[in-house]
Amino acid sequence: MPERREVGSVEARGLIAMVADRLDAGGQGAAVAVVDAHGELVAFLRTDGCGLASINIAINKAFTAARERTESRVLGERSRTEGFPITNFGDPRYVGWGGGVPIIVDGQVIGAIGVSGLPEEADIELAREAAASLADAG
């Protein structure tokens, strides 16, 4: 039977702490979600100053990245250029904004991280940095 590695709670909390430190240093508010390889929530943080809409958006960005095994922004770009609505996936949690990044260790998606609340490019940068740190440690 094949074994599948998934992001654990300790790893998820570490990723969230990394992003939280960056947010705190910049005096920024955002939401950070880490999900397993199926897109189900493992850990979450809403920092001070985070808008309420960012809560579900961060979770949904991570969900999308895990389920589709690609960055949420890539799915959004494909939706726009290929002309298919994201609703085709049949789940309202799919989003096309940047900031959802799969966590890949040894070539396998073990989860994803989503960041929301900052300008899109900053969300992407923080999520990529966190995902890469776990990939490097894997």
C-alpha atoms as a PDB file:
ATOM      1  CA  MET A   1       0.000   0.000   0.000  1.00  0.00           C
ATOM      2  CA  PRO A   2       1.465   3.393  -0.929  1.00  0.00           C
ATOM      3  CA  GLU A   3       2.413   5.714   1.880  1.00  0.00           C
ATOM      4  CA  ARG A   4       1.700   9.396   1.619  1.00  0.00           C
ATOM      5  CA  ARG A   5       3.534  12.038   3.616  1.00  0.00           C
ATOM      6  CA  GLU A   6       1.431  15.011   4.674  1.00  0.00           C
ATOM      7  CA  VAL A   7       2.281  18.238   6.430  1.00  0.00           C
ATOM      8  CA  GLY A   8       1.990  17.727  10.175  1.00  0.00           C
ATOM      9  CA  SER A   9       0.695  20.074  12.826  1.00  0.00           C
ATOM     10  CA  VAL A  10       4.163  20.911  14.139  1.00  0.00           C
ATOM     11  CA  GLU A  11       5.378  21.774  10.640  1.00  0.00           C
ATOM     12  CA  ALA A  12       2.208  23.774   9.973  1.00  0.00           C
ATOM     13  CA  ARG A  13       2.641  25.799  13.159  1.00  0.00           C
ATOM     14  CA  GLY A  14       6.250  26.472  12.182  1.00  0.00           C
ATOM     15  CA  LEU A  15       5.218  27.802   8.783  1.00  0.00           C
ATOM     16  CA  ILE A  16       2.584  30.011  10.360  1.00  0.00           C
ATOM     17  CA  ALA A  17       5.103  31.326  12.903  1.00  0.00           C
ATOM     18  CA  MET A  18       7.512  32.174  10.089  1.00  0.00           C
ATOM     19  CA  VAL A  19       4.907  34.179   8.218  1.00  0.00           C
ATOM     20  CA  ALA A  20       3.601  35.769  11.443  1.00  0.00           C
ATOM     21  CA  ASP A  21       7.110  36.985  12.300  1.00  0.00           C
ATOM     22  CA  ARG A  22       7.376  38.667   8.901  1.00  0.00           C
ATOM     23  CA  LEU A  23       3.925  40.222   9.275  1.00  0.00           C
ATOM     24  CA  ASP A  24       4.662  41.470  12.786  1.00  0.00           C
ATOM     25  CA  ALA A  25       7.998  42.946  11.702  1.00  0.00           C
ATOM     26  CA  GLY A  26       6.217  44.903   8.973  1.00  0.00           C
ATOM     27  CA  GLY A  27       3.256  45.858  11.140  1.00  0.00           C
ATOM     28  CA  GLN A  28       0.943  44.084   8.691  1.00  0.00           C
ATOM     29  CA  GLY A  29      -2.235  42.129   9.254  1.00  0.00           C
ATOM     30  CA  ALA A  30      -3.082  38.997   7.281  1.00  0.00           C
ATOM     31  CA  ALA A  31      -4.492  35.497   7.550  1.00  0.00           C
ATOM     32  CA  VAL A  32      -2.339  32.387   7.117  1.00  0.00           C
ATOM     33  CA  ALA A  33      -3.683  28.879   6.544  1.00  0.00           C
ATOM     34  CA  VAL A  34      -1.870  25.568   6.186  1.00  0.00           C
ATOM     35  CA  VAL A  35      -3.751  22.584   4.792  1.00  0.00           C
ATOM     36  CA  ASP A  36      -2.934  18.935   4.197  1.00  0.00           C
ATOM     37  CA  ALA A  37      -2.567  17.364   0.757  1.00  0.00           C
ATOM     38  CA  HIS A  38      -6.371  17.086   0.473  1.00  0.00           C
ATOM     39  CA  GLY A  39      -6.875  20.773   1.211  1.00  0.00           C
ATOM     40  CA  GLU A  40      -8.195  20.279   4.731  1.00  0.00           C
ATOM     41  CA  LEU A  41      -7.145  22.769   7.396  1.00  0.00           C
ATOM     42  CA  VAL A  42      -4.238  21.844   9.670  1.00  0.00           C
ATOM     43  CA  ALA A  43      -3.393  25.248  11.183  1.00  0.00           C
ATOM     44  CA  PHE A  44      -4.576  28.839  10.899  1.00  0.00           C
ATOM     45  CA  LEU A  45      -3.706  32.309  12.204  1.00  0.00           C
ATOM     46  CA  ARG A  46      -5.335  35.701  11.802  1.00  0.00           C
ATOM     47  CA  THR A  47      -2.934  38.424  12.888  1.00  0.00           C
ATOM     48  CA  ASP A  48      -3.926  41.761  14.355  1.00  0.00           C
ATOM     49  CA  GLY A  49      -5.230  44.148  11.724  1.00  0.00           C
ATOM     50  CA  CYS A  50      -6.376  41.415   9.342  1.00  0.00           C
ATOM     51  CA  GLY A  51      -9.597  42.052   7.486  1.00  0.00           C
ATOM     52  CA  LEU A  52     -12.330  39.505   8.102  1.00  0.00           C
ATOM     53  CA  ALA A  53     -12.729  38.530   4.443  1.00  0.00           C
ATOM     54  CA  SER A  54      -9.102  37.390   4.424  1.00  0.00           C
ATOM     55  CA  ILE A  55      -9.913  34.530   6.814  1.00  0.00           C
ATOM     56  CA  ASN A  56     -11.829  32.404   4.305  1.00  0.00           C
ATOM     57  CA  ILE A  57      -9.761  33.626   1.381  1.00  0.00           C
ATOM     58  CA  ALA A  58      -6.493  32.369   2.944  1.00  0.00           C
ATOM     59  CA  ILE A  59      -8.056  28.993   3.699  1.00  0.00           C
ATOM     60  CA  ASN A  60      -9.482  28.780   0.174  1.00  0.00           C
ATOM     61  CA  LYS A  61      -6.186  29.763  -1.448  1.00  0.00           C
ATOM     62  CA  ALA A  62      -4.453  26.932   0.413  1.00  0.00           C
ATOM     63  CA  PHE A  63      -7.299  24.525  -0.418  1.00  0.00           C
ATOM     64  CA  THR A  64      -7.037  25.368  -4.128  1.00  0.00           C
ATOM     65  CA  ALA A  65      -3.244  24.972  -4.207  1.00  0.00           C
ATOM     66  CA  ALA A  66      -3.406  21.586  -2.474  1.00  0.00           C
ATOM     67  CA  ARG A  67      -6.259  20.175  -4.551  1.00  0.00           C
ATOM     68  CA  GLU A  68      -4.854  21.313  -7.886  1.00  0.00           C
ATOM     69  CA  ARG A  69      -1.189  20.777  -6.993  1.00  0.00           C
ATOM     70  CA  THR A  70      -0.331  24.245  -8.316  1.00  0.00           C
ATOM     71  CA  GLU A  71      -0.370  27.835  -7.120  1.00  0.00           C
ATOM     72  CA  SER A  72      -3.844  29.332  -6.811  1.00  0.00           C
ATOM     73  CA  ARG A  73      -2.775  32.201  -9.057  1.00  0.00           C
ATOM     74  CA  VAL A  74      -1.908  29.743 -11.850  1.00  0.00           C
ATOM     75  CA  LEU A  75      -5.432  28.340 -11.730  1.00  0.00           C
ATOM     76  CA  GLY A  76      -6.847  31.870 -11.910  1.00  0.00           C
ATOM     77  CA  GLU A  77      -4.657  32.745 -14.890  1.00  0.00           C
ATOM     78  CA  ARG A  78      -5.687  29.538 -16.662  1.00  0.00           C
ATOM     79  CA  SER A  79      -9.344  30.286 -15.974  1.00  0.00           C
ATOM     80  CA  ARG A  80      -9.006  33.713 -17.573  1.00  0.00           C
ATOM     81  CA  THR A  81      -6.895  32.692 -20.573  1.00  0.00           C
ATOM     82  CA  GLU A  82      -8.601  29.370 -21.310  1.00  0.00           C
ATOM     83  CA  GLY A  83     -12.057  30.774 -20.675  1.00  0.00           C
ATOM     84  CA  PHE A  84     -13.413  28.331 -18.105  1.00  0.00           C
ATOM     85  CA  PRO A  85     -15.108  29.476 -14.909  1.00  0.00           C
ATOM     86  CA  ILE A  86     -13.565  28.342 -11.641  1.00  0.00           C
ATOM     87  CA  THR A  87     -17.039  27.173 -10.661  1.00  0.00           C
ATOM     88  CA  ASN A  88     -16.467  24.260 -13.080  1.00  0.00           C
ATOM     89  CA  PHE A  89     -14.603  22.545 -10.228  1.00  0.00           C
ATOM     90  CA  GLY A  90     -17.922  22.158  -8.411  1.00  0.00           C
ATOM     91  CA  ASP A  91     -16.624  23.495  -5.107  1.00  0.00           C
ATOM     92  CA  PRO A  92     -17.068  27.122  -4.049  1.00  0.00           C
ATOM     93  CA  ARG A  93     -13.764  26.997  -2.151  1.00  0.00           C
ATOM     94  CA  TYR A  94     -11.741  27.199  -5.371  1.00  0.00           C
ATOM     95  CA  VAL A  95     -10.219  30.645  -5.928  1.00  0.00           C
ATOM     96  CA  GLY A  96      -7.960  32.171  -8.547  1.00  0.00           C
ATOM     97  CA  TRP A  97      -6.165  34.853  -6.538  1.00  0.00           C
ATOM     98  CA  GLY A  98      -2.457  34.533  -5.827  1.00  0.00           C
ATOM     99  CA  GLY A  99      -1.230  33.528  -2.399  1.00  0.00           C
ATOM    100  CA  GLY A 100      -1.960  29.794  -2.317  1.00  0.00           C
ATOM    101  CA  VAL A 101       1.189  27.703  -2.783  1.00  0.00           C
ATOM    102  CA  PRO A 102       1.612  23.918  -2.655  1.00  0.00           C
ATOM    103  CA  ILE A 103       4.206  22.540  -0.258  1.00  0.00           C
ATOM    104  CA  ILE A 104       6.321  20.086  -2.208  1.00  0.00           C
ATOM    105  CA  VAL A 105       8.787  17.762  -0.492  1.00  0.00           C
ATOM    106  CA  ASP A 106      10.713  15.165  -2.487  1.00  0.00           C
ATOM    107  CA  GLY A 107       8.519  15.836  -5.515  1.00  0.00           C
ATOM    108  CA  GLN A 108       5.285  15.170  -3.603  1.00  0.00           C
ATOM    109  CA  VAL A 109       2.640  17.713  -2.591  1.00  0.00           C
ATOM    110  CA  ILE A 110       2.259  17.265   1.172  1.00  0.00           C
ATOM    111  CA  GLY A 111       0.010  20.275   1.734  1.00  0.00           C
ATOM    112  CA  ALA A 112      -0.294  23.950   0.900  1.00  0.00           C
ATOM    113  CA  ILE A 113      -0.138  27.373   2.487  1.00  0.00           C
ATOM    114  CA  GLY A 114      -2.411  30.321   1.828  1.00  0.00           C
ATOM    115  CA  VAL A 115      -1.815  33.951   2.747  1.00  0.00           C
ATOM    116  CA  SER A 116      -4.408  36.698   2.371  1.00  0.00           C
ATOM    117  CA  GLY A 117      -4.724  40.281   3.496  1.00  0.00           C
ATOM    118  CA  LEU A 118      -1.838  42.024   1.781  1.00  0.00           C
ATOM    119  CA  PRO A 119      -1.458  43.074  -1.835  1.00  0.00           C
ATOM    120  CA  GLU A 120      -1.508  39.932  -3.982  1.00  0.00           C
ATOM    121  CA  GLU A 121       2.220  39.982  -4.778  1.00  0.00           C
ATOM    122  CA  ALA A 122       3.073  40.185  -1.059  1.00  0.00           C
ATOM    123  CA  ASP A 123       0.687  37.297  -0.285  1.00  0.00           C
ATOM    124  CA  ILE A 124       2.438  35.244  -2.968  1.00  0.00           C
ATOM    125  CA  GLU A 125       5.929  36.126  -1.749  1.00  0.00           C
ATOM    126  CA  LEU A 126       5.195  35.134   1.857  1.00  0.00           C
ATOM    127  CA  ALA A 127       3.478  31.887   0.870  1.00  0.00           C
ATOM    128  CA  ARG A 128       6.271  30.902  -1.525  1.00  0.00           C
ATOM    129  CA  GLU A 129       8.951  31.645   1.054  1.00  0.00           C
ATOM    130  CA  ALA A 130       7.222  29.549   3.700  1.00  0.00           C
ATOM    131  CA  ALA A 131       6.529  26.635   1.332  1.00  0.00           C
ATOM    132  CA  ALA A 132      10.134  26.664   0.120  1.00  0.00           C
ATOM    133  CA  SER A 133      11.485  26.576   3.687  1.00  0.00           C
ATOM    134  CA  LEU A 134       9.713  23.304   4.388  1.00  0.00           C
ATOM    135  CA  ALA A 135      10.674  21.858   1.001  1.00  0.00           C
ATOM    136  CA  ASP A 136      14.323  22.659   1.748  1.00  0.00           C
ATOM    137  CA  ALA A 137      14.095  21.025   5.180  1.00  0.00           C
ATOM    138  CA  GLY A 138      12.297  17.923   3.825  1.00  0.00           C
END
